């Protein structure tokens, strides 16, 4: 009986460690995904600024030609 309890406790500890490791892996994957999304948003924002600048420049040129 005591051996069975020790075995169950050891199994419980092992499962707890596996769960902890899985949660840590999920958290790491989430952090990586968030970093990727942030980088994408920043790149899109930079392109938006560039395109707005180009539109402004072209609009000014068109106004000068009119």
N, C-alpha and C. Protein backbone atom coordinates (compact mmCIF):
# COMPACT_ATOMS: atom_id res chain seq x y z
N UNK A 1 0.82 -1.20 0.00
CA UNK A 1 0.00 0.00 0.00
C UNK A 1 0.86 1.26 0.00
N UNK A 2 1.87 1.28 0.87
CA UNK A 2 2.75 2.44 0.95
C UNK A 2 3.52 2.64 -0.34
N UNK A 3 3.93 1.55 -0.96
CA UNK A 3 4.65 1.64 -2.24
C UNK A 3 3.73 2.21 -3.31
N UNK A 4 2.47 1.84 -3.27
CA UNK A 4 1.50 2.34 -4.23
C UNK A 4 1.30 3.85 -4.06
N UNK A 5 1.23 4.29 -2.81
CA UNK A 5 1.07 5.73 -2.54
C UNK A 5 2.30 6.50 -3.02
N UNK A 6 3.48 5.96 -2.74
CA UNK A 6 4.72 6.62 -3.19
C UNK A 6 4.76 6.69 -4.71
N UNK A 7 4.32 5.62 -5.35
CA UNK A 7 4.30 5.58 -6.81
C UNK A 7 3.33 6.64 -7.36
N UNK A 8 2.17 6.74 -6.74
CA UNK A 8 1.18 7.73 -7.18
C UNK A 8 1.69 9.16 -6.95
N UNK A 9 2.36 9.39 -5.83
CA UNK A 9 2.92 10.71 -5.56
C UNK A 9 4.01 11.06 -6.58
N UNK A 10 4.83 10.09 -6.90
CA UNK A 10 5.87 10.32 -7.90
C UNK A 10 5.25 10.62 -9.26
N UNK A 11 4.20 9.88 -9.60
CA UNK A 11 3.51 10.12 -10.87
C UNK A 11 2.87 11.51 -10.88
N UNK A 12 2.28 11.88 -9.75
CA UNK A 12 1.65 13.21 -9.63
C UNK A 12 2.70 14.31 -9.83
N UNK A 13 3.85 14.15 -9.20
CA UNK A 13 4.93 15.13 -9.35
C UNK A 13 5.41 15.21 -10.80
N UNK A 14 5.53 14.06 -11.44
CA UNK A 14 5.97 14.02 -12.84
C UNK A 14 4.95 14.72 -13.74
N UNK A 15 3.68 14.46 -13.51
CA UNK A 15 2.63 15.10 -14.31
C UNK A 15 2.61 16.61 -14.06
N UNK A 16 2.84 17.02 -12.83
CA UNK A 16 2.89 18.45 -12.51
C UNK A 16 4.05 19.12 -13.24
N UNK A 17 5.19 18.43 -13.29
CA UNK A 17 6.35 18.97 -14.01
C UNK A 17 6.07 19.06 -15.51
N UNK A 18 5.43 18.04 -16.06
CA UNK A 18 5.08 18.06 -17.49
C UNK A 18 4.12 19.20 -17.79
N UNK A 19 3.15 19.40 -16.92
CA UNK A 19 2.19 20.49 -17.10
C UNK A 19 2.91 21.83 -17.04
N UNK A 20 3.78 21.99 -16.06
CA UNK A 20 4.54 23.24 -15.93
C UNK A 20 5.38 23.50 -17.17
N UNK A 21 6.05 22.47 -17.65
CA UNK A 21 6.87 22.62 -18.86
C UNK A 21 6.02 22.98 -20.07
N UNK A 22 4.87 22.34 -20.19
CA UNK A 22 3.97 22.64 -21.31
C UNK A 22 3.47 24.08 -21.24
N UNK A 23 3.12 24.53 -20.06
CA UNK A 23 2.66 25.91 -19.89
C UNK A 23 3.77 26.90 -20.22
N UNK A 24 4.98 26.60 -19.80
CA UNK A 24 6.12 27.47 -20.12
C UNK A 24 6.37 27.52 -21.62
N UNK A 25 6.27 26.38 -22.29
CA UNK A 25 6.44 26.34 -23.74
C UNK A 25 5.36 27.17 -24.44
N UNK A 26 4.12 27.04 -23.95
CA UNK A 26 3.03 27.81 -24.55
C UNK A 26 3.26 29.31 -24.35
N UNK A 27 3.72 29.68 -23.17
CA UNK A 27 3.99 31.09 -22.88
C UNK A 27 5.10 31.62 -23.78
N UNK A 28 6.13 30.80 -23.99
CA UNK A 28 7.22 31.20 -24.87
C UNK A 28 6.74 31.37 -26.31
N UNK A 29 5.93 30.43 -26.77
CA UNK A 29 5.38 30.53 -28.13
C UNK A 29 4.51 31.77 -28.27
N UNK A 30 3.74 32.07 -27.24
CA UNK A 30 2.89 33.26 -27.25
C UNK A 30 3.74 34.53 -27.31
N UNK A 31 4.82 34.56 -26.56
CA UNK A 31 5.70 35.73 -26.57
C UNK A 31 6.34 35.91 -27.95
N UNK A 32 6.74 34.81 -28.57
CA UNK A 32 7.33 34.88 -29.91
C UNK A 32 6.31 35.40 -30.91
N UNK A 33 5.08 34.89 -30.83
CA UNK A 33 4.02 35.33 -31.74
C UNK A 33 3.72 36.82 -31.54
N UNK A 34 3.67 37.25 -30.30
CA UNK A 34 3.42 38.67 -30.02
C UNK A 34 4.54 39.54 -30.59
N UNK A 35 5.77 39.09 -30.47
CA UNK A 35 6.90 39.84 -31.01
C UNK A 35 6.81 39.92 -32.53
N UNK A 36 6.42 38.83 -33.17
CA UNK A 36 6.24 38.83 -34.63
C UNK A 36 5.15 39.80 -35.04
N UNK A 37 4.03 39.75 -34.32
CA UNK A 37 2.92 40.65 -34.64
C UNK A 37 3.32 42.11 -34.45
N UNK A 38 4.05 42.39 -33.39
CA UNK A 38 4.50 43.76 -33.14
C UNK A 38 5.42 44.23 -34.26
N UNK A 39 6.33 43.37 -34.68
CA UNK A 39 7.24 43.73 -35.78
C UNK A 39 6.46 43.97 -37.06
N UNK A 40 5.45 43.16 -37.32
CA UNK A 40 4.62 43.34 -38.52
C UNK A 40 3.87 44.66 -38.47
N UNK A 41 3.31 44.97 -37.32
CA UNK A 41 2.57 46.23 -37.16
C UNK A 41 3.51 47.41 -37.36
N UNK A 42 4.71 47.33 -36.81
CA UNK A 42 5.68 48.41 -36.98
C UNK A 42 6.08 48.57 -38.44
N UNK A 43 6.26 47.47 -39.14
CA UNK A 43 6.62 47.53 -40.56
C UNK A 43 5.48 48.14 -41.37
N UNK A 44 4.26 47.76 -41.06
CA UNK A 44 3.09 48.33 -41.75
C UNK A 44 3.00 49.82 -41.49
N UNK A 45 3.24 50.23 -40.26
CA UNK A 45 3.20 51.65 -39.91
C UNK A 45 4.27 52.44 -40.68
N UNK A 46 5.45 51.87 -40.80
CA UNK A 46 6.51 52.55 -41.56
C UNK A 46 6.12 52.69 -43.03
N UNK A 47 5.54 51.64 -43.60
CA UNK A 47 5.09 51.71 -45.00
C UNK A 47 3.99 52.76 -45.15
N UNK A 48 3.08 52.81 -44.18
CA UNK A 48 2.01 53.80 -44.22
C UNK A 48 2.59 55.21 -44.23
N UNK A 49 3.57 55.45 -43.38
CA UNK A 49 4.21 56.77 -43.34
C UNK A 49 4.88 57.09 -44.67
N UNK A 50 5.56 56.10 -45.23
CA UNK A 50 6.24 56.30 -46.51
C UNK A 50 5.22 56.60 -47.60
N UNK A 51 4.15 55.82 -47.66
CA UNK A 51 3.13 56.03 -48.69
C UNK A 51 2.46 57.39 -48.52
N UNK A 52 2.18 57.77 -47.29
CA UNK A 52 1.58 59.08 -47.05
C UNK A 52 2.51 60.20 -47.51
N UNK A 53 3.78 60.03 -47.25
CA UNK A 53 4.76 61.01 -47.69
C UNK A 53 4.80 61.10 -49.21
N UNK A 54 4.77 59.96 -49.86
CA UNK A 54 4.78 59.94 -51.32
C UNK A 54 3.51 60.56 -51.89
N UNK A 55 2.38 60.28 -51.27
CA UNK A 55 1.11 60.86 -51.72
C UNK A 55 1.15 62.37 -51.57
N UNK A 56 1.65 62.84 -50.44
CA UNK A 56 1.75 64.28 -50.21
C UNK A 56 2.65 64.92 -51.25
N UNK A 57 3.78 64.30 -51.50
CA UNK A 57 4.72 64.83 -52.49
C UNK A 57 4.08 64.88 -53.88
N UNK A 58 3.42 63.82 -54.27
CA UNK A 58 2.77 63.79 -55.58
C UNK A 58 1.64 64.81 -55.66
N UNK A 59 0.90 64.96 -54.58
CA UNK A 59 -0.18 65.95 -54.56
C UNK A 59 0.37 67.36 -54.72
N UNK A 60 1.48 67.63 -54.06
CA UNK A 60 2.10 68.95 -54.18
C UNK A 60 2.59 69.19 -55.61
N UNK A 61 3.16 68.17 -56.23
CA UNK A 61 3.63 68.31 -57.61
C UNK A 61 2.45 68.56 -58.55
N UNK A 62 1.35 67.85 -58.33
CA UNK A 62 0.16 68.04 -59.16
C UNK A 62 -0.40 69.45 -58.97
N UNK A 63 -0.38 69.94 -57.74
CA UNK A 63 -0.88 71.29 -57.47
C UNK A 63 -0.02 72.34 -58.16
N UNK A 64 1.28 72.11 -58.18
CA UNK A 64 2.20 73.05 -58.83
C UNK A 64 1.98 73.08 -60.33
N UNK A 65 1.63 71.94 -60.90
CA UNK A 65 1.44 71.86 -62.35
C UNK A 65 0.11 72.47 -62.77
N UNK A 66 -0.81 72.59 -61.86
CA UNK A 66 -2.14 73.12 -62.21
C UNK A 66 -2.13 74.61 -62.39
